[in-house]
Each structure stands twice: as structure tokens, then as C-alpha cells.
Amino acid sequence: MGLVLCACSSLRYYVQAARGQGELIAHRRALDELVRDPATDPKLAARLQLARQARRFASRRLALPDNRSYIGYVELHRSYVVWNVFATPRYSVKAVPQCFPITGCVAYRGWFREADARADAARLQARGDDAWVGGVPAYSTLGWFADPILSSMLRWDDDELAGTIFHELAHQLIYVKGDTAFNESFATFVQAEGLREWRQSRGLPPQDDHVQKMDDGFTRLALDLRERLKALYASGVDEASMATGKRREIEAFRARYAQWRERNWPHDHRYDSWVAQPINNARLLPFGLYEQWTPAFAALFRQAERQWPAFYAGVRELARKPKALREKSLQALLGQ
């Protein structure tokens, strides 16, 4: 009976995924058409024109795929394109893996309707897991479909919009099945370096690093909490003591955050809301996924004399290795 229920649940998931992707394809309009159309709002036309320029830069200067992705636009009429559900056991910081035919096993499952994501999270919590739902403004189909610019992406500033195009195209270029940290770190490096070159090409000064420094600092705080919880769960104490310790560690994290922000960023409250909301193991999962190996890819880029084709050749060589050897090579690059 359990197997049948699992199969039905999986079928429902793939049906909603196919329906959601199909709706994106059906509602896609060409950027060129929208930019030329006098009925298009001038502010929207200007943002789409910038996206079109960034898309061309990605292929011509960053050697990213020159295909039909990000040359169309879809108005979503909602804040996010999908909502990802992350889950862990109640006393573990390790993700409950979600495995798919194309992408392999990842730390989350995406739903096109928020209500479906919330229902999935509730199901996981009912069986005793920690779960968390996070909205996603953009994602890549890894080249299987012509991914469009989404209205959810236009909530960002110009740099984030261009950088996201670079990031998602990097996934289309190189993707290792089942290795989220490798894939996201690679795409994050391409995004950051590509954005630096994009700004330089337009005669703009380097980005203000205030936001990046604060983001990095907060990530370190979150990763520190995850390590403290990991040590607690491995300590062998009984479940009641583990539950008490979990609450104590989370409250101590909130206190450390307040001291850190007051000391370093007294006028910046961007993370206050995140910290005030309920925190569990699953909510900590995304931290570190996008940055774990970015310094290693930066070292590889320098080895390639900052030439994109040579850099991608080196990344592909890493991608072909078994995971253990790949991570050993990345560790060696980190040492540089």
C-alpha cells in the first residue's frame, strides 16, 4: 500500500511539473516583439532590452550557450515561478534527497503552485521531518526547453537580472548529475565573474561590496549554527535532551546574530525578518550550497589565464571525475 501511495504521489508531482512547464511555453513572447510593441509599458521594455543585451553578452563574451533560452518573456502574475520544499530528519542536518531522472538527487523538490508546496511540506512534517518552503524567481531546465525571462526575475535590480541569466546559462553548459554543491558553485562563480566583466564592458564601476560582505557574514553565522546542531545530533543524548538543545542552539544563534548586526551593520536590517521566523534544520540547507567551491573555481579561472573556453575545459575535466576525486581536486584548488 505504501508503495502505491508513493507512486501516486510521484505521478501527481510529475503531472504538475509538466503542466507548469507547459504553461510557461504557452505564454512565452519574444523579447524583440515586446520591445518593439508600442503597447508595452516603457519601463518593462527598458528592462527587457537590458536582458536582451545581457543575453547577447553571455554568448559572445562569456562563451555561454547560444540558444533560444532567455530570448522570450513570460508574465507570471505571481511572485515566484516555483516553490522549493527542503526537508531533513528532525534531528539531522542532512537533506532528505529528492531524486529525478535528469538532475539526479538534489536537496529539494519544486512545485509550480505555492499551495502544493505547502501541502508537501505539511506531509513531510506530519511524518516527523523538518521542512521549509522557499520561493524561487528563476530556474533552468538545463537546455531541455527554451527558458524565458520571467516577470519574477524583474523584481531584482539590473545586476541581479543579468547575473541570473549568466548563472542559469552556466547550468545549461555544464551540469553534474547529483552534485548540487559543484553545480551551484560553478554557476555562482560564472555569475559573479560574468557580472564583473559585464559592468566593465558598459563603463560602470565595480559593484559596491557592502551587500556581498553582509551576505557572506550571515552565511557564516548560519553555517556555524548548522555545525553546532550537527554536533548536538551526533552527541548521543536522548531525544528530549536533543529537542531542548536544538531550541537552545537556535536561540543562541539569534543572540549572536543581533550582536553581529549591531556591531557591523547597525543600519542594515535585511536579515531581521529571516531570523525572527521559525528556524529548523531544513531552513538551513540552502546555506553553503552556492558558495562551497566558488574560490576553487576562481583559482581554476586564474589557471586558465581568465579565458572562458579554457576554464570550461578545466571544469568539464573535473565534472568527468568520480565525486570523491572531483572533491579532492577542488580541495587542492582551494589551497591555492
Protein backbone atom coordinates (compact mmCIF):
# COMPACT_ATOMS: atom_id res chain seq x y z
CA MET A 1 0.00 0.00 0.00
CA GLY A 2 2.84 2.39 0.87
CA LEU A 3 4.48 1.74 -2.49
CA VAL A 4 1.23 2.50 -4.30
CA LEU A 5 0.76 5.74 -2.37
CA CYS A 6 4.34 6.77 -3.15
CA ALA A 7 3.82 6.05 -6.84
CA CYS A 8 0.61 8.13 -6.88
CA SER A 9 2.37 10.97 -5.12
CA SER A 10 5.22 10.87 -7.65
CA LEU A 11 2.76 10.80 -10.53
CA ARG A 12 0.98 13.90 -9.19
CA TYR A 13 4.31 15.65 -8.84
CA TYR A 14 5.36 14.98 -12.45
CA VAL A 15 1.92 15.93 -13.76
CA GLN A 16 2.07 19.35 -12.05
CA ALA A 17 5.65 19.84 -13.26
CA ALA A 18 4.67 19.08 -16.86
CA ARG A 19 1.62 21.33 -16.61
CA GLY A 20 3.63 24.19 -15.10
CA GLN A 21 6.37 23.96 -17.71
CA GLY A 22 3.77 23.76 -20.46
CA GLU A 23 2.13 26.98 -19.24
CA LEU A 24 5.46 28.78 -19.42
CA ILE A 25 5.93 27.64 -23.02
CA ALA A 26 2.37 28.60 -23.98
CA HIS A 27 2.62 32.13 -22.57
CA ARG A 28 6.12 32.98 -23.81
CA ARG A 29 6.50 36.07 -26.05
CA ALA A 30 9.65 37.05 -27.94
CA LEU A 31 11.73 39.84 -26.36
CA ASP A 32 12.21 41.52 -29.74
CA GLU A 33 8.46 41.61 -30.30
CA LEU A 34 7.73 43.05 -26.86
CA VAL A 35 10.46 45.70 -27.06
CA ARG A 36 9.12 46.91 -30.44
CA ASP A 37 5.45 46.79 -29.41
CA PRO A 38 4.21 50.36 -28.60
CA ALA A 39 1.68 48.84 -26.19
CA THR A 40 4.48 47.51 -23.96
CA ASP A 41 5.00 49.55 -20.80
CA PRO A 42 8.18 51.66 -21.35
CA LYS A 43 9.69 50.53 -18.04
CA LEU A 44 9.15 46.88 -18.94
CA ALA A 45 10.54 47.45 -22.44
CA ALA A 46 13.69 49.01 -20.95
CA ARG A 47 14.25 46.06 -18.60
CA LEU A 48 13.70 43.56 -21.41
CA GLN A 49 16.10 45.49 -23.64
CA LEU A 50 18.73 45.22 -20.92
CA ALA A 51 18.03 41.48 -20.55
CA ARG A 52 18.44 41.07 -24.31
CA GLN A 53 21.83 42.85 -24.19
CA ALA A 54 22.97 40.68 -21.27
CA ARG A 55 21.86 37.57 -23.15
CA ARG A 56 24.00 38.51 -26.16
CA PHE A 57 26.95 39.34 -23.91
CA ALA A 58 26.65 35.91 -22.27
CA SER A 59 27.25 34.08 -25.54
CA ARG A 60 29.62 36.49 -27.24
CA ARG A 61 31.89 37.36 -24.32
CA LEU A 62 31.38 34.62 -21.73
CA ALA A 63 31.18 31.70 -24.21
CA LEU A 64 27.88 30.53 -22.72
CA PRO A 65 25.32 28.62 -24.83
CA ASP A 66 23.94 30.49 -27.84
CA ASN A 67 20.45 29.02 -27.96
CA ARG A 68 16.81 30.06 -27.60
CA SER A 69 16.88 30.45 -23.83
CA TYR A 70 16.26 33.92 -22.40
CA ILE A 71 15.10 35.46 -25.67
CA GLY A 72 11.43 35.20 -24.62
CA TYR A 73 9.39 36.63 -21.75
CA VAL A 74 6.58 35.29 -19.56
CA GLU A 75 4.38 37.38 -17.27
CA LEU A 76 3.64 35.10 -14.32
CA HIS A 77 1.16 37.17 -12.29
CA ARG A 78 2.74 35.73 -9.14
CA SER A 79 5.84 36.40 -7.04
CA TYR A 80 7.75 33.20 -7.85
CA VAL A 81 7.88 30.70 -10.66
CA VAL A 82 8.23 27.70 -8.31
CA TRP A 83 8.40 26.99 -4.59
CA ASN A 84 11.10 24.57 -3.40
CA VAL A 85 10.46 22.22 -0.48
CA PHE A 86 13.52 21.29 1.60
CA ALA A 87 13.38 18.52 4.21
CA THR A 88 15.62 16.89 6.81
CA PRO A 89 15.02 14.38 9.59
CA ARG A 90 14.09 16.16 12.83
CA TYR A 91 17.50 15.54 14.37
CA SER A 92 19.80 15.72 11.36
CA VAL A 93 21.18 18.49 9.15
CA LYS A 94 21.38 16.13 6.15
CA ALA A 95 18.76 16.65 3.44
CA VAL A 96 16.13 14.08 2.64
CA PRO A 97 17.20 13.55 -1.00
CA GLN A 98 14.81 14.14 -3.88
CA CYS A 99 15.85 12.14 -6.94
CA PHE A 100 14.86 12.80 -10.56
CA PRO A 101 15.76 11.19 -13.89
CA ILE A 102 17.58 14.20 -15.38
CA THR A 103 19.05 16.14 -12.47
CA GLY A 104 19.82 13.21 -10.17
CA CYS A 105 19.41 13.62 -6.41
CA VAL A 106 19.08 17.17 -5.06
CA ALA A 107 18.15 18.69 -1.70
CA TYR A 108 14.70 19.98 -2.69
CA ARG A 109 11.56 19.44 -4.75
CA GLY A 110 9.96 22.28 -6.74
CA TRP A 111 6.24 22.97 -7.14
CA PHE A 112 4.56 25.42 -9.52
CA ARG A 113 1.79 26.24 -7.01
CA GLU A 114 2.59 27.50 -3.52
CA ALA A 115 -0.39 25.60 -2.08
CA ASP A 116 1.03 22.33 -3.43
CA ALA A 117 4.44 23.11 -1.91
CA ARG A 118 2.85 23.89 1.46
CA ALA A 119 0.89 20.65 1.32
CA ASP A 120 4.06 18.69 0.53
CA ALA A 121 5.87 20.36 3.45
CA ALA A 122 2.93 19.55 5.76
CA ARG A 123 3.07 15.90 4.68
CA LEU A 124 6.79 15.74 5.50
CA GLN A 125 6.27 17.41 8.88
CA ALA A 126 3.42 15.00 9.69
CA ARG A 127 5.82 12.08 9.33
CA GLY A 128 8.29 13.78 11.69
CA ASP A 129 10.67 15.62 9.35
CA ASP A 130 11.71 19.26 9.42
CA ALA A 131 10.53 21.05 6.26
CA TRP A 132 10.82 24.52 4.77
CA VAL A 133 9.31 26.18 1.67
CA GLY A 134 11.24 28.82 -0.29
CA GLY A 135 10.10 30.76 -3.36
CA VAL A 136 12.30 30.68 -6.48
CA PRO A 137 12.26 33.54 -9.03
CA ALA A 138 14.16 31.62 -11.76
CA TYR A 139 15.37 28.13 -12.66
CA SER A 140 16.98 26.30 -15.56
CA THR A 141 15.66 23.30 -17.48
CA LEU A 142 19.31 22.56 -18.43
CA GLY A 143 18.60 23.24 -22.11
CA TRP A 144 15.68 20.83 -22.46
CA PHE A 145 13.40 23.81 -23.10
CA ALA A 146 13.92 27.42 -24.19
CA ASP A 147 13.90 29.03 -20.74
CA PRO A 148 12.30 32.51 -20.75
CA ILE A 149 12.92 35.70 -18.83
CA LEU A 150 10.26 35.63 -16.09
CA SER A 151 8.44 38.56 -14.53
CA SER A 152 9.66 37.27 -11.15
CA MET A 153 13.23 37.98 -12.30
CA LEU A 154 12.39 41.66 -12.94
CA ARG A 155 11.88 42.27 -9.22
CA TRP A 156 15.68 42.43 -8.98
CA ASP A 157 17.98 45.27 -9.98
CA ASP A 158 19.81 45.27 -13.33
CA ASP A 159 22.90 43.50 -11.98
CA GLU A 160 20.91 40.66 -10.45
CA LEU A 161 18.88 40.25 -13.63
CA ALA A 162 21.97 39.99 -15.84
CA GLY A 163 23.79 37.80 -13.33
CA THR A 164 20.89 35.37 -13.14
CA ILE A 165 20.94 34.94 -16.92
CA PHE A 166 24.66 34.12 -16.71
CA HIS A 167 24.04 31.74 -13.78
CA GLU A 168 21.26 29.76 -15.45
CA LEU A 169 23.10 29.51 -18.78
CA ALA A 170 26.12 28.15 -16.91
CA HIS A 171 23.89 25.29 -15.70
CA GLN A 172 22.98 24.58 -19.32
CA LEU A 173 26.66 24.46 -20.27
CA ILE A 174 27.94 22.11 -17.54
CA TYR A 175 25.87 20.12 -15.05
CA VAL A 176 26.91 17.12 -12.97
CA LYS A 177 24.01 14.87 -12.08
CA GLY A 178 23.51 14.67 -8.32
CA ASP A 179 26.24 17.14 -7.25
CA THR A 180 24.39 20.30 -6.18
CA ALA A 181 27.36 21.97 -4.48
CA PHE A 182 29.54 21.60 -7.60
CA ASN A 183 26.84 22.81 -9.97
CA GLU A 184 25.75 25.80 -7.92
CA SER A 185 29.29 26.87 -7.02
CA PHE A 186 30.29 26.76 -10.69
CA ALA A 187 27.25 28.75 -11.80
CA THR A 188 27.70 31.24 -8.96
CA PHE A 189 31.31 31.85 -9.99
CA VAL A 190 30.26 32.39 -13.62
CA GLN A 191 27.56 34.77 -12.42
CA ALA A 192 29.97 36.84 -10.29
CA GLU A 193 32.84 36.98 -12.78
CA GLY A 194 30.48 37.44 -15.72
CA LEU A 195 28.81 40.34 -13.94
CA ARG A 196 32.17 41.96 -13.25
CA GLU A 197 33.04 41.78 -16.96
CA TRP A 198 29.53 42.93 -17.95
CA ARG A 199 29.78 46.06 -15.81
CA GLN A 200 33.28 46.75 -17.10
CA SER A 201 32.07 46.46 -20.71
CA ARG A 202 29.40 49.09 -20.00
CA GLY A 203 31.83 51.52 -18.36
CA LEU A 204 30.35 51.01 -14.89
CA PRO A 205 32.43 50.97 -11.69
CA PRO A 206 32.85 47.74 -9.70
CA GLN A 207 29.89 46.74 -7.57
CA ASP A 208 29.65 48.05 -4.02
CA ASP A 209 30.67 45.04 -1.95
CA HIS A 210 28.63 46.04 1.12
CA VAL A 211 25.81 43.62 0.31
CA GLN A 212 28.18 40.76 -0.54
CA LYS A 213 30.12 41.21 2.69
CA MET A 214 26.95 41.16 4.76
CA ASP A 215 25.62 38.13 2.86
CA ASP A 216 28.91 36.30 3.43
CA GLY A 217 28.88 37.14 7.12
CA PHE A 218 25.32 35.96 7.59
CA THR A 219 26.07 32.75 5.70
CA ARG A 220 28.95 32.06 8.10
CA LEU A 221 26.59 32.54 11.06
CA ALA A 222 24.03 30.14 9.56
CA LEU A 223 26.69 27.54 8.76
CA ASP A 224 28.02 27.83 12.29
CA LEU A 225 24.53 27.07 13.63
CA ARG A 226 24.29 24.07 11.32
CA GLU A 227 27.62 22.73 12.60
CA ARG A 228 26.53 23.20 16.22
CA LEU A 229 23.30 21.31 15.54
CA LYS A 230 25.21 18.58 13.73
CA ALA A 231 27.45 18.12 16.78
CA LEU A 232 24.40 18.02 19.06
CA TYR A 233 22.67 15.35 16.97
CA ALA A 234 25.83 13.23 16.94
CA SER A 235 26.31 13.52 20.72
CA GLY A 236 24.18 10.51 21.61
CA VAL A 237 21.92 12.29 24.13
CA ASP A 238 18.30 11.20 24.45
CA GLU A 239 15.57 12.70 22.26
CA ALA A 240 14.21 15.03 24.95
CA SER A 241 17.67 16.47 25.57
CA MET A 242 18.18 16.78 21.81
CA ALA A 243 14.94 18.75 21.43
CA THR A 244 15.93 21.07 24.27
CA GLY A 245 19.42 21.51 22.86
CA LYS A 246 18.03 22.28 19.42
CA ARG A 247 15.86 25.10 20.79
CA ARG A 248 18.78 26.40 22.85
CA GLU A 249 21.15 26.48 19.85
CA ILE A 250 18.62 28.32 17.68
CA GLU A 251 18.01 30.97 20.36
CA ALA A 252 21.77 31.37 20.85
CA PHE A 253 22.09 31.90 17.09
CA ARG A 254 19.52 34.69 17.25
CA ALA A 255 21.52 36.34 20.04
CA ARG A 256 24.78 36.04 18.06
CA TYR A 257 23.07 37.49 15.00
CA ALA A 258 21.78 40.52 16.93
CA GLN A 259 25.27 41.20 18.32
CA TRP A 260 26.91 40.74 14.90
CA ARG A 261 24.47 43.04 13.12
CA GLU A 262 24.65 45.74 15.78
CA ARG A 263 28.43 45.63 15.72
CA ASN A 264 28.94 45.53 11.94
CA TRP A 265 25.73 46.63 10.19
CA PRO A 266 23.69 48.72 12.67
CA HIS A 267 21.62 50.36 9.94
CA ASP A 268 21.00 47.30 7.76
CA HIS A 269 18.11 45.09 8.87
CA ARG A 270 17.69 42.93 5.77
CA TYR A 271 18.07 39.64 7.70
CA ASP A 272 15.98 40.56 10.74
CA SER A 273 12.82 39.04 9.29
CA TRP A 274 14.61 35.79 8.35
CA VAL A 275 15.97 35.41 11.88
CA ALA A 276 12.64 36.22 13.53
CA GLN A 277 10.77 33.48 11.64
CA PRO A 278 10.78 29.81 12.79
CA ILE A 279 14.14 28.13 12.15
CA ASN A 280 14.67 24.39 11.67
CA ASN A 281 17.23 22.09 10.05
CA ALA A 282 15.60 22.27 6.62
CA ARG A 283 15.71 26.06 6.55
CA LEU A 284 19.50 25.90 6.93
CA LEU A 285 20.02 23.56 3.97
CA PRO A 286 20.48 26.19 1.20
CA PHE A 287 23.35 27.88 3.02
CA GLY A 288 26.72 26.98 1.57
CA LEU A 289 25.32 25.17 -1.48
CA TYR A 290 26.04 28.14 -3.73
CA GLU A 291 29.44 29.13 -2.36
CA GLN A 292 31.22 25.98 -1.17
CA TRP A 293 33.54 25.66 -4.18
CA THR A 294 33.44 29.17 -5.70
CA PRO A 295 37.02 30.01 -4.54
CA ALA A 296 38.19 26.78 -6.21
CA PHE A 297 36.58 27.81 -9.49
CA ALA A 298 38.17 31.25 -9.13
CA ALA A 299 41.58 29.54 -8.84
CA LEU A 300 40.81 27.41 -11.90
CA PHE A 301 39.85 30.56 -13.84
CA ARG A 302 43.19 32.14 -12.99
CA GLN A 303 44.97 28.95 -14.11
CA ALA A 304 43.13 29.29 -17.42
CA GLU A 305 44.51 32.83 -17.73
CA ARG A 306 40.98 34.17 -17.43
CA GLN A 307 39.99 32.65 -20.77
CA TRP A 308 36.47 31.26 -20.68
CA PRO A 309 36.88 28.34 -23.16
CA ALA A 310 39.99 27.08 -21.34
CA PHE A 311 38.23 27.49 -17.99
CA TYR A 312 35.20 25.48 -19.16
CA ALA A 313 37.52 22.76 -20.43
CA GLY A 314 39.01 22.51 -16.94
CA VAL A 315 35.55 22.41 -15.35
CA ARG A 316 34.49 19.62 -17.73
CA GLU A 317 37.58 17.66 -16.74
CA LEU A 318 36.54 17.96 -13.09
CA ALA A 319 32.96 17.01 -13.96
CA ARG A 320 34.08 13.73 -15.55
CA LYS A 321 35.81 12.56 -12.36
CA PRO A 322 34.10 10.40 -9.71
CA LYS A 323 32.73 12.60 -6.95
CA ALA A 324 35.43 11.71 -4.39
CA LEU A 325 38.24 12.53 -6.83
CA ARG A 326 36.41 15.67 -8.01
CA GLU A 327 36.17 16.98 -4.45
CA LYS A 328 39.82 16.13 -3.81
CA SER A 329 40.76 18.23 -6.87
CA LEU A 330 38.53 21.07 -5.71
CA GLN A 331 40.14 20.96 -2.27
CA ALA A 332 43.56 21.24 -3.92
CA LEU A 333 42.33 24.30 -5.84
CA LEU A 334 41.06 25.83 -2.60
CA GLY A 335 44.59 25.53 -1.23
CA GLN A 336 45.77 27.81 -3.99
